[in-house]
Amino acid sequence: MPQVTAQGKSFTCETGANLRQVLLEQDIDLYNGKAKFINCMSIGTCGTCAVQIEGEVSAVNWKDTARRSLPPHSIDRNLRLACQTKVLGDVKVTKFDGFWGQGNELVW
């Protein structure tokens, strides 16, 4: 089972598990500010669950690419939408500031 490290916590999940669901189940603060209440609930259209991921995850899908191609995101940043990402191996997840997680300051 893959090990996920996020917000100073480490835990395991099933291979192929949705990263957003895994983080929320572990009480990880995935969303910044009011994005906790105003988000697309995993449809992949809002971009508020953007995180940096190191490790083995699924390939980027079209929803992830499309949303991160629009401001305030930039497709050039090394971010992914947690709601569109499957955990395939051990991963380290990092969250940045900004409503959409698009900032440069580390949150966790």
PDB file of N, CA and C in Angstrom:
ATOM      1  N   MET A   1       0.843  -1.176   0.000  1.00  0.00           N
ATOM      2  CA  MET A   1       0.000   0.000   0.000  1.00  0.00           C
ATOM      3  C   MET A   1       0.895   1.247   0.000  1.00  0.00           C
ATOM      4  N   PRO A   2       0.550   2.208  -0.862  1.00  0.00           N
ATOM      5  CA  PRO A   2       1.346   3.432  -0.936  1.00  0.00           C
ATOM      6  C   PRO A   2       1.277   4.245   0.351  1.00  0.00           C
ATOM      7  N   GLN A   3       2.369   4.934   0.643  1.00  0.00           N
ATOM      8  CA  GLN A   3       2.406   5.838   1.782  1.00  0.00           C
ATOM      9  C   GLN A   3       2.294   7.269   1.269  1.00  0.00           C
ATOM     10  N   VAL A   4       1.407   8.034   1.884  1.00  0.00           N
ATOM     11  CA  VAL A   4       1.187   9.437   1.539  1.00  0.00           C
ATOM     12  C   VAL A   4       1.695  10.283   2.698  1.00  0.00           C
ATOM     13  N   THR A   5       2.477  11.315   2.370  1.00  0.00           N
ATOM     14  CA  THR A   5       2.950  12.267   3.375  1.00  0.00           C
ATOM     15  C   THR A   5       2.413  13.634   3.004  1.00  0.00           C
ATOM     16  N   ALA A   6       1.684  14.249   3.955  1.00  0.00           N
ATOM     17  CA  ALA A   6       1.082  15.564   3.717  1.00  0.00           C
ATOM     18  C   ALA A   6       0.813  16.240   5.055  1.00  0.00           C
ATOM     19  N   GLN A   7       1.043  17.527   5.115  1.00  0.00           N
ATOM     20  CA  GLN A   7       0.763  18.346   6.296  1.00  0.00           C
ATOM     21  C   GLN A   7       1.374  17.740   7.563  1.00  0.00           C
ATOM     22  N   GLY A   8       2.588  17.195   7.433  1.00  0.00           N
ATOM     23  CA  GLY A   8       3.294  16.630   8.571  1.00  0.00           C
ATOM     24  C   GLY A   8       2.797  15.268   9.014  1.00  0.00           C
ATOM     25  N   LYS A   9       1.884  14.664   8.270  1.00  0.00           N
ATOM     26  CA  LYS A   9       1.343  13.345   8.602  1.00  0.00           C
ATOM     27  C   LYS A   9       1.757  12.339   7.528  1.00  0.00           C
ATOM     28  N   SER A  10       1.881  11.079   7.918  1.00  0.00           N
ATOM     29  CA  SER A  10       2.128   9.996   6.969  1.00  0.00           C
ATOM     30  C   SER A  10       1.105   8.904   7.223  1.00  0.00           C
ATOM     31  N   PHE A  11       0.552   8.366   6.145  1.00  0.00           N
ATOM     32  CA  PHE A  11      -0.476   7.338   6.245  1.00  0.00           C
ATOM     33  C   PHE A  11      -0.495   6.548   4.951  1.00  0.00           C
ATOM     34  N   THR A  12      -1.150   5.409   4.970  1.00  0.00           N
ATOM     35  CA  THR A  12      -1.224   4.578   3.773  1.00  0.00           C
ATOM     36  C   THR A  12      -2.615   4.685   3.155  1.00  0.00           C
ATOM     37  N   CYS A  13      -2.672   4.300   1.885  1.00  0.00           N
ATOM     38  CA  CYS A  13      -3.949   4.256   1.176  1.00  0.00           C
ATOM     39  C   CYS A  13      -3.892   3.119   0.162  1.00  0.00           C
ATOM     40  N   GLU A  14      -5.012   2.827  -0.417  1.00  0.00           N
ATOM     41  CA  GLU A  14      -5.084   1.799  -1.458  1.00  0.00           C
ATOM     42  C   GLU A  14      -4.411   2.309  -2.736  1.00  0.00           C
ATOM     43  N   THR A  15      -3.772   1.440  -3.472  1.00  0.00           N
ATOM     44  CA  THR A  15      -3.224   1.800  -4.775  1.00  0.00           C
ATOM     45  C   THR A  15      -4.381   2.179  -5.693  1.00  0.00           C
ATOM     46  N   GLY A  16      -4.278   3.312  -6.351  1.00  0.00           N
ATOM     47  CA  GLY A  16      -5.334   3.784  -7.240  1.00  0.00           C
ATOM     48  C   GLY A  16      -6.352   4.680  -6.561  1.00  0.00           C
ATOM     49  N   ALA A  17      -6.162   4.953  -5.266  1.00  0.00           N
ATOM     50  CA  ALA A  17      -7.096   5.812  -4.537  1.00  0.00           C
ATOM     51  C   ALA A  17      -7.012   7.246  -5.040  1.00  0.00           C
ATOM     52  N   ASN A  18      -8.139   7.944  -4.990  1.00  0.00           N
ATOM     53  CA  ASN A  18      -8.204   9.345  -5.383  1.00  0.00           C
ATOM     54  C   ASN A  18      -7.515  10.178  -4.306  1.00  0.00           C
ATOM     55  N   LEU A  19      -6.542  11.002  -4.710  1.00  0.00           N
ATOM     56  CA  LEU A  19      -5.742  11.758  -3.755  1.00  0.00           C
ATOM     57  C   LEU A  19      -6.593  12.721  -2.929  1.00  0.00           C
ATOM     58  N   ARG A  20      -7.547  13.388  -3.527  1.00  0.00           N
ATOM     59  CA  ARG A  20      -8.411  14.318  -2.786  1.00  0.00           C
ATOM     60  C   ARG A  20      -9.147  13.589  -1.671  1.00  0.00           C
ATOM     61  N   GLN A  21      -9.745  12.462  -2.001  1.00  0.00           N
ATOM     62  CA  GLN A  21     -10.498  11.704  -1.012  1.00  0.00           C
ATOM     63  C   GLN A  21      -9.602  11.217   0.119  1.00  0.00           C
ATOM     64  N   VAL A  22      -8.425  10.751  -0.229  1.00  0.00           N
ATOM     65  CA  VAL A  22      -7.475  10.261   0.766  1.00  0.00           C
ATOM     66  C   VAL A  22      -7.089  11.383   1.726  1.00  0.00           C
ATOM     67  N   LEU A  23      -6.773  12.553   1.195  1.00  0.00           N
ATOM     68  CA  LEU A  23      -6.372  13.679   2.042  1.00  0.00           C
ATOM     69  C   LEU A  23      -7.509  14.125   2.961  1.00  0.00           C
ATOM     70  N   LEU A  24      -8.702  14.237   2.408  1.00  0.00           N
ATOM     71  CA  LEU A  24      -9.837  14.664   3.222  1.00  0.00           C
ATOM     72  C   LEU A  24     -10.177  13.641   4.305  1.00  0.00           C
ATOM     73  N   GLU A  25     -10.065  12.355   3.985  1.00  0.00           N
ATOM     74  CA  GLU A  25     -10.331  11.301   4.977  1.00  0.00           C
ATOM     75  C   GLU A  25      -9.351  11.368   6.144  1.00  0.00           C
ATOM     76  N   GLN A  26      -8.160  11.910   5.892  1.00  0.00           N
ATOM     77  CA  GLN A  26      -7.137  12.016   6.927  1.00  0.00           C
ATOM     78  C   GLN A  26      -7.141  13.401   7.606  1.00  0.00           C
ATOM     79  N   ASP A  27      -8.200  14.179   7.372  1.00  0.00           N
ATOM     80  CA  ASP A  27      -8.340  15.529   7.949  1.00  0.00           C
ATOM     81  C   ASP A  27      -7.196  16.462   7.574  1.00  0.00           C
ATOM     82  N   ILE A  28      -6.720  16.322   6.350  1.00  0.00           N
ATOM     83  CA  ILE A  28      -5.702  17.226   5.810  1.00  0.00           C
ATOM     84  C   ILE A  28      -6.416  18.467   5.294  1.00  0.00           C
ATOM     85  N   ASP A  29      -5.882  19.646   5.600  1.00  0.00           N
ATOM     86  CA  ASP A  29      -6.467  20.910   5.144  1.00  0.00           C
ATOM     87  C   ASP A  29      -6.110  21.147   3.677  1.00  0.00           C
ATOM     88  N   LEU A  30      -6.836  20.501   2.798  1.00  0.00           N
ATOM     89  CA  LEU A  30      -6.554  20.570   1.365  1.00  0.00           C
ATOM     90  C   LEU A  30      -6.874  21.933   0.765  1.00  0.00           C
ATOM     91  N   TYR A  31      -7.887  22.601   1.290  1.00  0.00           N
ATOM     92  CA  TYR A  31      -8.352  23.858   0.706  1.00  0.00           C
ATOM     93  C   TYR A  31      -7.906  25.058   1.535  1.00  0.00           C
ATOM     94  N   ASN A  32      -7.593  26.139   0.849  1.00  0.00           N
ATOM     95  CA  ASN A  32      -7.207  27.383   1.510  1.00  0.00           C
ATOM     96  C   ASN A  32      -8.428  28.270   1.697  1.00  0.00           C
ATOM     97  N   GLY A  33      -8.601  28.795   2.897  1.00  0.00           N
ATOM     98  CA  GLY A  33      -9.670  29.756   3.170  1.00  0.00           C
ATOM     99  C   GLY A  33     -11.050  29.231   2.830  1.00  0.00           C
ATOM    100  N   LYS A  34     -11.837  30.085   2.177  1.00  0.00           N
ATOM    101  CA  LYS A  34     -13.233  29.761   1.842  1.00  0.00           C
ATOM    102  C   LYS A  34     -13.348  28.670   0.777  1.00  0.00           C
ATOM    103  N   ALA A  35     -12.233  28.296   0.134  1.00  0.00           N
ATOM    104  CA  ALA A  35     -12.281  27.220  -0.860  1.00  0.00           C
ATOM    105  C   ALA A  35     -12.750  25.914  -0.228  1.00  0.00           C
ATOM    106  N   LYS A  36     -12.635  25.824   1.096  1.00  0.00           N
ATOM    107  CA  LYS A  36     -13.137  24.645   1.805  1.00  0.00           C
ATOM    108  C   LYS A  36     -14.643  24.488   1.605  1.00  0.00           C
ATOM    109  N   PHE A  37     -15.331  25.616   1.439  1.00  0.00           N
ATOM    110  CA  PHE A  37     -16.785  25.608   1.269  1.00  0.00           C
ATOM    111  C   PHE A  37     -17.212  25.822  -0.176  1.00  0.00           C
ATOM    112  N   ILE A  38     -16.339  26.476  -0.947  1.00  0.00           N
ATOM    113  CA  ILE A  38     -16.664  26.813  -2.337  1.00  0.00           C
ATOM    114  C   ILE A  38     -15.679  26.071  -3.242  1.00  0.00           C
ATOM    115  N   ASN A  39     -16.010  24.851  -3.594  1.00  0.00           N
ATOM    116  CA  ASN A  39     -15.167  24.080  -4.517  1.00  0.00           C
ATOM    117  C   ASN A  39     -16.071  23.182  -5.349  1.00  0.00           C
ATOM    118  N   CYS A  40     -15.531  22.592  -6.371  1.00  0.00           N
ATOM    119  CA  CYS A  40     -16.345  21.822  -7.319  1.00  0.00           C
ATOM    120  C   CYS A  40     -16.628  20.393  -6.856  1.00  0.00           C
ATOM    121  N   MET A  41     -16.167  20.036  -5.657  1.00  0.00           N
ATOM    122  CA  MET A  41     -16.443  18.703  -5.081  1.00  0.00           C
ATOM    123  C   MET A  41     -15.923  17.557  -5.949  1.00  0.00           C
ATOM    124  N   SER A  42     -14.766  17.768  -6.570  1.00  0.00           N
ATOM    125  CA  SER A  42     -14.056  16.711  -7.303  1.00  0.00           C
ATOM    126  C   SER A  42     -14.413  16.605  -8.788  1.00  0.00           C
ATOM    127  N   ILE A  43     -15.099  17.575  -9.329  1.00  0.00           N
ATOM    128  CA  ILE A  43     -15.425  17.557 -10.761  1.00  0.00           C
ATOM    129  C   ILE A  43     -14.200  17.928 -11.604  1.00  0.00           C
ATOM    130  N   GLY A  44     -13.297  18.710 -11.022  1.00  0.00           N
ATOM    131  CA  GLY A  44     -12.081  19.108 -11.733  1.00  0.00           C
ATOM    132  C   GLY A  44     -12.195  20.443 -12.429  1.00  0.00           C
ATOM    133  N   THR A  45     -13.189  21.249 -12.045  1.00  0.00           N
ATOM    134  CA  THR A  45     -13.401  22.524 -12.743  1.00  0.00           C
ATOM    135  C   THR A  45     -12.935  23.751 -11.972  1.00  0.00           C
ATOM    136  N   CYS A  46     -12.774  23.661 -10.653  1.00  0.00           N
ATOM    137  CA  CYS A  46     -12.444  24.874  -9.888  1.00  0.00           C
ATOM    138  C   CYS A  46     -10.942  25.090  -9.720  1.00  0.00           C
ATOM    139  N   GLY A  47     -10.189  24.042  -9.516  1.00  0.00           N
ATOM    140  CA  GLY A  47      -8.746  24.159  -9.358  1.00  0.00           C
ATOM    141  C   GLY A  47      -8.279  24.476  -7.952  1.00  0.00           C
ATOM    142  N   THR A  48      -9.170  24.477  -6.960  1.00  0.00           N
ATOM    143  CA  THR A  48      -8.783  24.839  -5.602  1.00  0.00           C
ATOM    144  C   THR A  48      -8.011  23.738  -4.870  1.00  0.00           C
ATOM    145  N   CYS A  49      -8.003  22.545  -5.389  1.00  0.00           N
ATOM    146  CA  CYS A  49      -7.284  21.442  -4.744  1.00  0.00           C
ATOM    147  C   CYS A  49      -5.891  21.245  -5.341  1.00  0.00           C
ATOM    148  N   ALA A  50      -5.370  22.265  -6.000  1.00  0.00           N
ATOM    149  CA  ALA A  50      -4.049  22.168  -6.613  1.00  0.00           C
ATOM    150  C   ALA A  50      -2.965  21.962  -5.562  1.00  0.00           C
ATOM    151  N   VAL A  51      -2.122  20.979  -5.788  1.00  0.00           N
ATOM    152  CA  VAL A  51      -1.021  20.658  -4.887  1.00  0.00           C
ATOM    153  C   VAL A  51       0.196  20.256  -5.711  1.00  0.00           C
ATOM    154  N   GLN A  52       1.343  20.296  -5.063  1.00  0.00           N
ATOM    155  CA  GLN A  52       2.561  19.779  -5.679  1.00  0.00           C
ATOM    156  C   GLN A  52       2.730  18.347  -5.193  1.00  0.00           C
ATOM    157  N   ILE A  53       3.046  17.446  -6.089  1.00  0.00           N
ATOM    158  CA  ILE A  53       3.163  16.032  -5.738  1.00  0.00           C
ATOM    159  C   ILE A  53       4.516  15.500  -6.184  1.00  0.00           C
ATOM    160  N   GLU A  54       5.183  14.826  -5.260  1.00  0.00           N
ATOM    161  CA  GLU A  54       6.409  14.103  -5.579  1.00  0.00           C
ATOM    162  C   GLU A  54       6.105  12.633  -5.374  1.00  0.00           C
ATOM    163  N   GLY A  55       6.327  11.821  -6.383  1.00  0.00           N
ATOM    164  CA  GLY A  55       6.074  10.396  -6.258  1.00  0.00           C
ATOM    165  C   GLY A  55       5.257   9.867  -7.415  1.00  0.00           C
ATOM    166  N   GLU A  56       4.805   8.645  -7.262  1.00  0.00           N
ATOM    167  CA  GLU A  56       4.131   7.941  -8.348  1.00  0.00           C
ATOM    168  C   GLU A  56       2.613   8.136  -8.300  1.00  0.00           C
ATOM    169  N   VAL A  57       2.111   8.845  -9.315  1.00  0.00           N
ATOM    170  CA  VAL A  57       0.675   9.088  -9.437  1.00  0.00           C
ATOM    171  C   VAL A  57       0.253   8.861 -10.889  1.00  0.00           C
ATOM    172  N   SER A  58      -1.038   8.881 -11.109  1.00  0.00           N
ATOM    173  CA  SER A  58      -1.589   8.689 -12.453  1.00  0.00           C
ATOM    174  C   SER A  58      -1.141   9.808 -13.392  1.00  0.00           C
ATOM    175  N   ALA A  59      -1.231   9.541 -14.680  1.00  0.00           N
ATOM    176  CA  ALA A  59      -0.901  10.545 -15.687  1.00  0.00           C
ATOM    177  C   ALA A  59      -1.909  11.696 -15.610  1.00  0.00           C
ATOM    178  N   VAL A  60      -1.486  12.855 -16.032  1.00  0.00           N
ATOM    179  CA  VAL A  60      -2.362  14.026 -16.031  1.00  0.00           C
ATOM    180  C   VAL A  60      -3.492  13.795 -17.034  1.00  0.00           C
ATOM    181  N   ASN A  61      -4.734  14.009 -16.605  1.00  0.00           N
ATOM    182  CA  ASN A  61      -5.859  13.856 -17.531  1.00  0.00           C
ATOM    183  C   ASN A  61      -6.255  15.212 -18.130  1.00  0.00           C
ATOM    184  N   TRP A  62      -7.200  15.203 -19.040  1.00  0.00           N
ATOM    185  CA  TRP A  62      -7.553  16.430 -19.761  1.00  0.00           C
ATOM    186  C   TRP A  62      -8.198  17.470 -18.844  1.00  0.00           C
ATOM    187  N   LYS A  63      -8.955  17.040 -17.833  1.00  0.00           N
ATOM    188  CA  LYS A  63      -9.582  17.999 -16.922  1.00  0.00           C
ATOM    189  C   LYS A  63      -8.519  18.768 -16.140  1.00  0.00           C
ATOM    190  N   ASP A  64      -7.534  18.038 -15.634  1.00  0.00           N
ATOM    191  CA  ASP A  64      -6.441  18.649 -14.886  1.00  0.00           C
ATOM    192  C   ASP A  64      -5.697  19.652 -15.779  1.00  0.00           C
ATOM    193  N   THR A  65      -5.329  19.228 -16.953  1.00  0.00           N
ATOM    194  CA  THR A  65      -4.603  20.095 -17.882  1.00  0.00           C
ATOM    195  C   THR A  65      -5.422  21.320 -18.260  1.00  0.00           C
ATOM    196  N   ALA A  66      -6.693  21.120 -18.563  1.00  0.00           N
ATOM    197  CA  ALA A  66      -7.555  22.237 -18.975  1.00  0.00           C
ATOM    198  C   ALA A  66      -7.687  23.265 -17.868  1.00  0.00           C
ATOM    199  N   ARG A  67      -7.956  22.833 -16.640  1.00  0.00           N
ATOM    200  CA  ARG A  67      -8.159  23.793 -15.550  1.00  0.00           C
ATOM    201  C   ARG A  67      -6.873  24.526 -15.206  1.00  0.00           C
ATOM    202  N   ARG A  68      -5.750  23.812 -15.162  1.00  0.00           N
ATOM    203  CA  ARG A  68      -4.490  24.459 -14.825  1.00  0.00           C
ATOM    204  C   ARG A  68      -3.940  25.301 -15.975  1.00  0.00           C
ATOM    205  N   SER A  69      -4.576  25.244 -17.131  1.00  0.00           N
ATOM    206  CA  SER A  69      -4.196  26.102 -18.265  1.00  0.00           C
ATOM    207  C   SER A  69      -4.813  27.491 -18.150  1.00  0.00           C
ATOM    208  N   LEU A  70      -5.754  27.661 -17.214  1.00  0.00           N
ATOM    209  CA  LEU A  70      -6.466  28.925 -17.045  1.00  0.00           C
ATOM    210  C   LEU A  70      -5.998  29.650 -15.792  1.00  0.00           C
ATOM    211  N   PRO A  71      -5.978  30.995 -15.830  1.00  0.00           N
ATOM    212  CA  PRO A  71      -5.602  31.772 -14.646  1.00  0.00           C
ATOM    213  C   PRO A  71      -6.532  31.477 -13.480  1.00  0.00           C
ATOM    214  N   PRO A  72      -6.056  31.555 -12.279  1.00  0.00           N
ATOM    215  CA  PRO A  72      -4.730  32.035 -11.897  1.00  0.00           C
ATOM    216  C   PRO A  72      -3.653  30.967 -11.968  1.00  0.00           C
ATOM    217  N   HIS A  73      -3.991  29.770 -12.403  1.00  0.00           N
ATOM    218  CA  HIS A  73      -2.994  28.714 -12.545  1.00  0.00           C
ATOM    219  C   HIS A  73      -2.141  28.948 -13.783  1.00  0.00           C
ATOM    220  N   SER A  74      -1.058  28.204 -13.851  1.00  0.00           N
ATOM    221  CA  SER A  74      -0.187  28.208 -15.014  1.00  0.00           C
ATOM    222  C   SER A  74       0.222  26.765 -15.271  1.00  0.00           C
ATOM    223  N   ILE A  75       0.071  26.329 -16.468  1.00  0.00           N
ATOM    224  CA  ILE A  75       0.403  24.949 -16.824  1.00  0.00           C
ATOM    225  C   ILE A  75       1.895  24.669 -16.620  1.00  0.00           C
ATOM    226  N   ASP A  76       2.696  25.728 -16.541  1.00  0.00           N
ATOM    227  CA  ASP A  76       4.137  25.577 -16.349  1.00  0.00           C
ATOM    228  C   ASP A  76       4.517  25.234 -14.905  1.00  0.00           C
ATOM    229  N   ARG A  77       3.597  25.481 -13.968  1.00  0.00           N
ATOM    230  CA  ARG A  77       3.876  25.150 -12.560  1.00  0.00           C
ATOM    231  C   ARG A  77       3.761  23.647 -12.353  1.00  0.00           C
ATOM    232  N   ASN A  78       4.548  23.140 -11.450  1.00  0.00           N
ATOM    233  CA  ASN A  78       4.554  21.709 -11.134  1.00  0.00           C
ATOM    234  C   ASN A  78       3.453  21.401 -10.122  1.00  0.00           C
ATOM    235  N   LEU A  79       2.192  21.631 -10.508  1.00  0.00           N
ATOM    236  CA  LEU A  79       1.050  21.369  -9.648  1.00  0.00           C
ATOM    237  C   LEU A  79       0.124  20.367 -10.313  1.00  0.00           C
ATOM    238  N   ARG A  80      -0.701  19.741  -9.503  1.00  0.00           N
ATOM    239  CA  ARG A  80      -1.732  18.825  -9.994  1.00  0.00           C
ATOM    240  C   ARG A  80      -3.007  19.084  -9.218  1.00  0.00           C
ATOM    241  N   LEU A  81      -4.138  18.717  -9.784  1.00  0.00           N
ATOM    242  CA  LEU A  81      -5.405  18.767  -9.064  1.00  0.00           C
ATOM    243  C   LEU A  81      -5.545  17.454  -8.304  1.00  0.00           C
ATOM    244  N   ALA A  82      -5.650  17.533  -6.984  1.00  0.00           N
ATOM    245  CA  ALA A  82      -5.756  16.323  -6.170  1.00  0.00           C
ATOM    246  C   ALA A  82      -6.973  15.507  -6.560  1.00  0.00           C
ATOM    247  N   CYS A  83      -8.054  16.179  -6.963  1.00  0.00           N
ATOM    248  CA  CYS A  83      -9.293  15.468  -7.299  1.00  0.00           C
ATOM    249  C   CYS A  83      -9.180  14.656  -8.589  1.00  0.00           C
ATOM    250  N   GLN A  84      -8.189  14.936  -9.387  1.00  0.00           N
ATOM    251  CA  GLN A  84      -8.015  14.237 -10.663  1.00  0.00           C
ATOM    252  C   GLN A  84      -6.788  13.323 -10.665  1.00  0.00           C
ATOM    253  N   THR A  85      -6.259  13.058  -9.472  1.00  0.00           N
ATOM    254  CA  THR A  85      -5.014  12.306  -9.345  1.00  0.00           C
ATOM    255  C   THR A  85      -5.220  11.032  -8.545  1.00  0.00           C
ATOM    256  N   LYS A  86      -4.698   9.923  -9.074  1.00  0.00           N
ATOM    257  CA  LYS A  86      -4.746   8.642  -8.374  1.00  0.00           C
ATOM    258  C   LYS A  86      -3.361   8.327  -7.824  1.00  0.00           C
ATOM    259  N   VAL A  87      -3.325   7.842  -6.603  1.00  0.00           N
ATOM    260  CA  VAL A  87      -2.069   7.485  -5.945  1.00  0.00           C
ATOM    261  C   VAL A  87      -1.658   6.086  -6.399  1.00  0.00           C
ATOM    262  N   LEU A  88      -0.471   5.986  -6.996  1.00  0.00           N
ATOM    263  CA  LEU A  88       0.010   4.691  -7.492  1.00  0.00           C
ATOM    264  C   LEU A  88       1.198   4.154  -6.696  1.00  0.00           C
ATOM    265  N   GLY A  89       1.852   5.036  -5.953  1.00  0.00           N
ATOM    266  CA  GLY A  89       3.010   4.661  -5.128  1.00  0.00           C
ATOM    267  C   GLY A  89       3.171   5.691  -4.028  1.00  0.00           C
ATOM    268  N   ASP A  90       4.285   5.633  -3.327  1.00  0.00           N
ATOM    269  CA  ASP A  90       4.530   6.588  -2.253  1.00  0.00           C
ATOM    270  C   ASP A  90       4.575   8.009  -2.809  1.00  0.00           C
ATOM    271  N   VAL A  91       3.928   8.944  -2.100  1.00  0.00           N
ATOM    272  CA  VAL A  91       3.903  10.335  -2.551  1.00  0.00           C
ATOM    273  C   VAL A  91       4.084  11.295  -1.385  1.00  0.00           C
ATOM    274  N   LYS A  92       4.653  12.452  -1.703  1.00  0.00           N
ATOM    275  CA  LYS A  92       4.739  13.573  -0.773  1.00  0.00           C
ATOM    276  C   LYS A  92       3.933  14.698  -1.401  1.00  0.00           C
ATOM    277  N   VAL A  93       3.010  15.272  -0.642  1.00  0.00           N
ATOM    278  CA  VAL A  93       2.115  16.311  -1.147  1.00  0.00           C
ATOM    279  C   VAL A  93       2.431  17.622  -0.436  1.00  0.00           C
ATOM    280  N   THR A  94       2.514  18.705  -1.211  1.00  0.00           N
ATOM    281  CA  THR A  94       2.801  20.037  -0.687  1.00  0.00           C
ATOM    282  C   THR A  94       1.714  20.997  -1.146  1.00  0.00           C
ATOM    283  N   LYS A  95       1.255  21.861  -0.239  1.00  0.00           N
ATOM    284  CA  LYS A  95       0.208  22.851  -0.544  1.00  0.00           C
ATOM    285  C   LYS A  95       0.786  24.252  -0.452  1.00  0.00           C
ATOM    286  N   PHE A  96       0.407  25.098  -1.428  1.00  0.00           N
ATOM    287  CA  PHE A  96       0.836  26.493  -1.455  1.00  0.00           C
ATOM    288  C   PHE A  96      -0.340  27.413  -1.165  1.00  0.00           C
ATOM    289  N   ASP A  97      -0.039  28.674  -0.907  1.00  0.00           N
ATOM    290  CA  ASP A  97      -1.066  29.653  -0.559  1.00  0.00           C
ATOM    291  C   ASP A  97      -1.851  30.094  -1.783  1.00  0.00           C
ATOM    292  N   GLY A  98      -2.768  31.016  -1.558  1.00  0.00           N
ATOM    293  CA  GLY A  98      -3.657  31.484  -2.619  1.00  0.00           C
ATOM    294  C   GLY A  98      -4.949  30.698  -2.592  1.00  0.00           C
ATOM    295  N   PHE A  99      -6.035  31.328  -2.960  1.00  0.00           N
ATOM    296  CA  PHE A  99      -7.341  30.667  -2.928  1.00  0.00           C
ATOM    297  C   PHE A  99      -7.316  29.339  -3.678  1.00  0.00           C
ATOM    298  N   TRP A 100      -6.666  29.326  -4.825  1.00  0.00           N
ATOM    299  CA  TRP A 100      -6.602  28.123  -5.662  1.00  0.00           C
ATOM    300  C   TRP A 100      -5.345  27.297  -5.398  1.00  0.00           C
ATOM    301  N   GLY A 101      -4.567  27.660  -4.398  1.00  0.00           N
ATOM    302  CA  GLY A 101      -3.311  26.940  -4.136  1.00  0.00           C
ATOM    303  C   GLY A 101      -2.243  27.248  -5.150  1.00  0.00           C
ATOM    304  N   GLN A 102      -2.408  28.378  -5.841  1.00  0.00           N
ATOM    305  CA  GLN A 102      -1.517  28.744  -6.933  1.00  0.00           C
ATOM    306  C   GLN A 102      -0.353  29.614  -6.482  1.00  0.00           C
ATOM    307  N   GLY A 103      -0.311  29.993  -5.204  1.00  0.00           N
ATOM    308  CA  GLY A 103       0.716  30.918  -4.713  1.00  0.00           C
ATOM    309  C   GLY A 103       2.102  30.299  -4.649  1.00  0.00           C
ATOM    310  N   ASN A 104       3.030  31.071  -4.129  1.00  0.00           N
ATOM    311  CA  ASN A 104       4.419  30.639  -4.011  1.00  0.00           C
ATOM    312  C   ASN A 104       4.841  30.368  -2.585  1.00  0.00           C
ATOM    313  N   GLU A 105       4.001  30.758  -1.619  1.00  0.00           N
ATOM    314  CA  GLU A 105       4.327  30.560  -0.207  1.00  0.00           C
ATOM    315  C   GLU A 105       3.814  29.188   0.251  1.00  0.00           C
ATOM    316  N   LEU A 106       4.667  28.471   0.929  1.00  0.00           N
ATOM    317  CA  LEU A 106       4.331  27.146   1.431  1.00  0.00           C
ATOM    318  C   LEU A 106       3.299  27.243   2.548  1.00  0.00           C
ATOM    319  N   VAL A 107       2.223  26.463   2.449  1.00  0.00           N
ATOM    320  CA  VAL A 107       1.220  26.362   3.516  1.00  0.00           C
ATOM    321  C   VAL A 107       1.555  25.141   4.371  1.00  0.00           C
ATOM    322  N   TRP A 108       1.790  24.020   3.735  1.00  0.00           N
ATOM    323  CA  TRP A 108       2.267  22.795   4.391  1.00  0.00           C
ATOM    324  C   TRP A 108       2.956  21.909   3.376  1.00  0.00           C
TER     325      TRP A 108
END
